[in-house]
């Protein structure tokens, strides 16, 4: 499963979501502005940083924080 921490106003999150949609890749979206739990999870993973997008591939354990790296992945 691919989990994407994002927020709607982030152009970098939008670029990742657009690419995933074009490629037919399903993402579990976690909007950090709509959920305190998702924001807390992101802050823990990034040592207090709210930077989005942030992708987790639960099958491989891969975690990526830069939109270009996520799109390439």
C-alpha atoms as a PDB file:
ATOM      1  CA  UNK A   1       0.000   0.000   0.000  1.00  0.00           C
ATOM      2  CA  UNK A   2       1.175   3.514  -0.792  1.00  0.00           C
ATOM      3  CA  UNK A   3       0.340   6.157   1.808  1.00  0.00           C
ATOM      4  CA  UNK A   4       0.710   9.816   0.906  1.00  0.00           C
ATOM      5  CA  UNK A   5       0.697  12.483   3.595  1.00  0.00           C
ATOM      6  CA  UNK A   6      -0.447  15.661   1.891  1.00  0.00           C
ATOM      7  CA  UNK A   7      -2.479  18.822   2.137  1.00  0.00           C
ATOM      8  CA  UNK A   8      -4.698  20.284  -0.590  1.00  0.00           C
ATOM      9  CA  UNK A   9      -2.877  23.627  -0.878  1.00  0.00           C
ATOM     10  CA  UNK A  10       0.502  22.055  -1.592  1.00  0.00           C
ATOM     11  CA  UNK A  11       1.486  22.156  -5.267  1.00  0.00           C
ATOM     12  CA  UNK A  12       4.061  19.419  -4.676  1.00  0.00           C
ATOM     13  CA  UNK A  13       1.419  17.115  -3.203  1.00  0.00           C
ATOM     14  CA  UNK A  14      -0.817  17.904  -6.174  1.00  0.00           C
ATOM     15  CA  UNK A  15       1.946  16.957  -8.621  1.00  0.00           C
ATOM     16  CA  UNK A  16       2.436  13.578  -6.927  1.00  0.00           C
ATOM     17  CA  UNK A  17      -1.307  12.890  -6.865  1.00  0.00           C
ATOM     18  CA  UNK A  18      -1.653  13.875 -10.546  1.00  0.00           C
ATOM     19  CA  UNK A  19       1.164  11.545 -11.576  1.00  0.00           C
ATOM     20  CA  UNK A  20      -0.253   8.657  -9.535  1.00  0.00           C
ATOM     21  CA  UNK A  21      -3.666   9.230 -11.114  1.00  0.00           C
ATOM     22  CA  UNK A  22      -2.203   9.296 -14.638  1.00  0.00           C
ATOM     23  CA  UNK A  23      -0.361   6.022 -13.946  1.00  0.00           C
ATOM     24  CA  UNK A  24      -3.375   4.382 -12.312  1.00  0.00           C
ATOM     25  CA  UNK A  25      -1.599   4.050  -8.975  1.00  0.00           C
ATOM     26  CA  UNK A  26      -3.829   3.998  -5.901  1.00  0.00           C
ATOM     27  CA  UNK A  27      -2.750   6.139  -2.968  1.00  0.00           C
ATOM     28  CA  UNK A  28      -4.158   6.258   0.528  1.00  0.00           C
ATOM     29  CA  UNK A  29      -4.301  10.020   1.053  1.00  0.00           C
ATOM     30  CA  UNK A  30      -3.707  11.395   4.531  1.00  0.00           C
ATOM     31  CA  UNK A  31      -4.625  15.082   4.625  1.00  0.00           C
ATOM     32  CA  UNK A  32      -2.659  16.580   7.510  1.00  0.00           C
ATOM     33  CA  UNK A  33      -4.932  19.648   7.614  1.00  0.00           C
ATOM     34  CA  UNK A  34      -8.079  17.559   8.069  1.00  0.00           C
ATOM     35  CA  UNK A  35      -6.764  15.148  10.718  1.00  0.00           C
ATOM     36  CA  UNK A  36      -4.778  15.866  13.857  1.00  0.00           C
ATOM     37  CA  UNK A  37      -3.785  12.187  13.922  1.00  0.00           C
ATOM     38  CA  UNK A  38      -2.312  12.338  10.412  1.00  0.00           C
ATOM     39  CA  UNK A  39      -0.470  15.559  11.263  1.00  0.00           C
ATOM     40  CA  UNK A  40       0.937  13.965  14.426  1.00  0.00           C
ATOM     41  CA  UNK A  41       2.098  10.897  12.463  1.00  0.00           C
ATOM     42  CA  UNK A  42       3.846  13.104   9.896  1.00  0.00           C
ATOM     43  CA  UNK A  43       5.515  15.232  12.561  1.00  0.00           C
ATOM     44  CA  UNK A  44       6.858  12.088  14.239  1.00  0.00           C
ATOM     45  CA  UNK A  45       8.214  10.707  10.958  1.00  0.00           C
ATOM     46  CA  UNK A  46       9.915  13.985  10.020  1.00  0.00           C
ATOM     47  CA  UNK A  47      11.222  15.091  13.410  1.00  0.00           C
ATOM     48  CA  UNK A  48       8.731  17.939  13.775  1.00  0.00           C
ATOM     49  CA  UNK A  49       8.584  19.007  10.115  1.00  0.00           C
ATOM     50  CA  UNK A  50       5.189  19.352   8.340  1.00  0.00           C
ATOM     51  CA  UNK A  51       6.749  19.040   4.857  1.00  0.00           C
ATOM     52  CA  UNK A  52       4.462  17.430   2.294  1.00  0.00           C
ATOM     53  CA  UNK A  53       4.251  15.318   0.276  1.00  0.00           C
ATOM     54  CA  UNK A  54       5.564  12.357   2.245  1.00  0.00           C
ATOM     55  CA  UNK A  55       5.175   8.855   0.818  1.00  0.00           C
ATOM     56  CA  UNK A  56       5.334   5.521   2.606  1.00  0.00           C
ATOM     57  CA  UNK A  57       5.370   2.227   0.699  1.00  0.00           C
ATOM     58  CA  UNK A  58       4.206  -0.242   3.334  1.00  0.00           C
ATOM     59  CA  UNK A  59       5.283  -3.231   1.234  1.00  0.00           C
ATOM     60  CA  UNK A  60       8.940  -2.200   0.932  1.00  0.00           C
ATOM     61  CA  UNK A  61       9.340   0.127   3.912  1.00  0.00           C
ATOM     62  CA  UNK A  62      10.434   2.928   1.575  1.00  0.00           C
ATOM     63  CA  UNK A  63       9.774   6.467   2.824  1.00  0.00           C
ATOM     64  CA  UNK A  64      10.301   9.512   0.604  1.00  0.00           C
ATOM     65  CA  UNK A  65       9.866  13.213   1.314  1.00  0.00           C
ATOM     66  CA  UNK A  66      10.652  15.000  -1.964  1.00  0.00           C
ATOM     67  CA  UNK A  67       8.045  15.225  -4.712  1.00  0.00           C
ATOM     68  CA  UNK A  68      10.556  14.570  -7.514  1.00  0.00           C
ATOM     69  CA  UNK A  69      11.798  11.428  -5.756  1.00  0.00           C
ATOM     70  CA  UNK A  70       8.219  10.266  -5.138  1.00  0.00           C
ATOM     71  CA  UNK A  71       7.222  10.797  -8.779  1.00  0.00           C
ATOM     72  CA  UNK A  72      10.318   8.895  -9.948  1.00  0.00           C
ATOM     73  CA  UNK A  73       9.598   6.079  -7.484  1.00  0.00           C
END
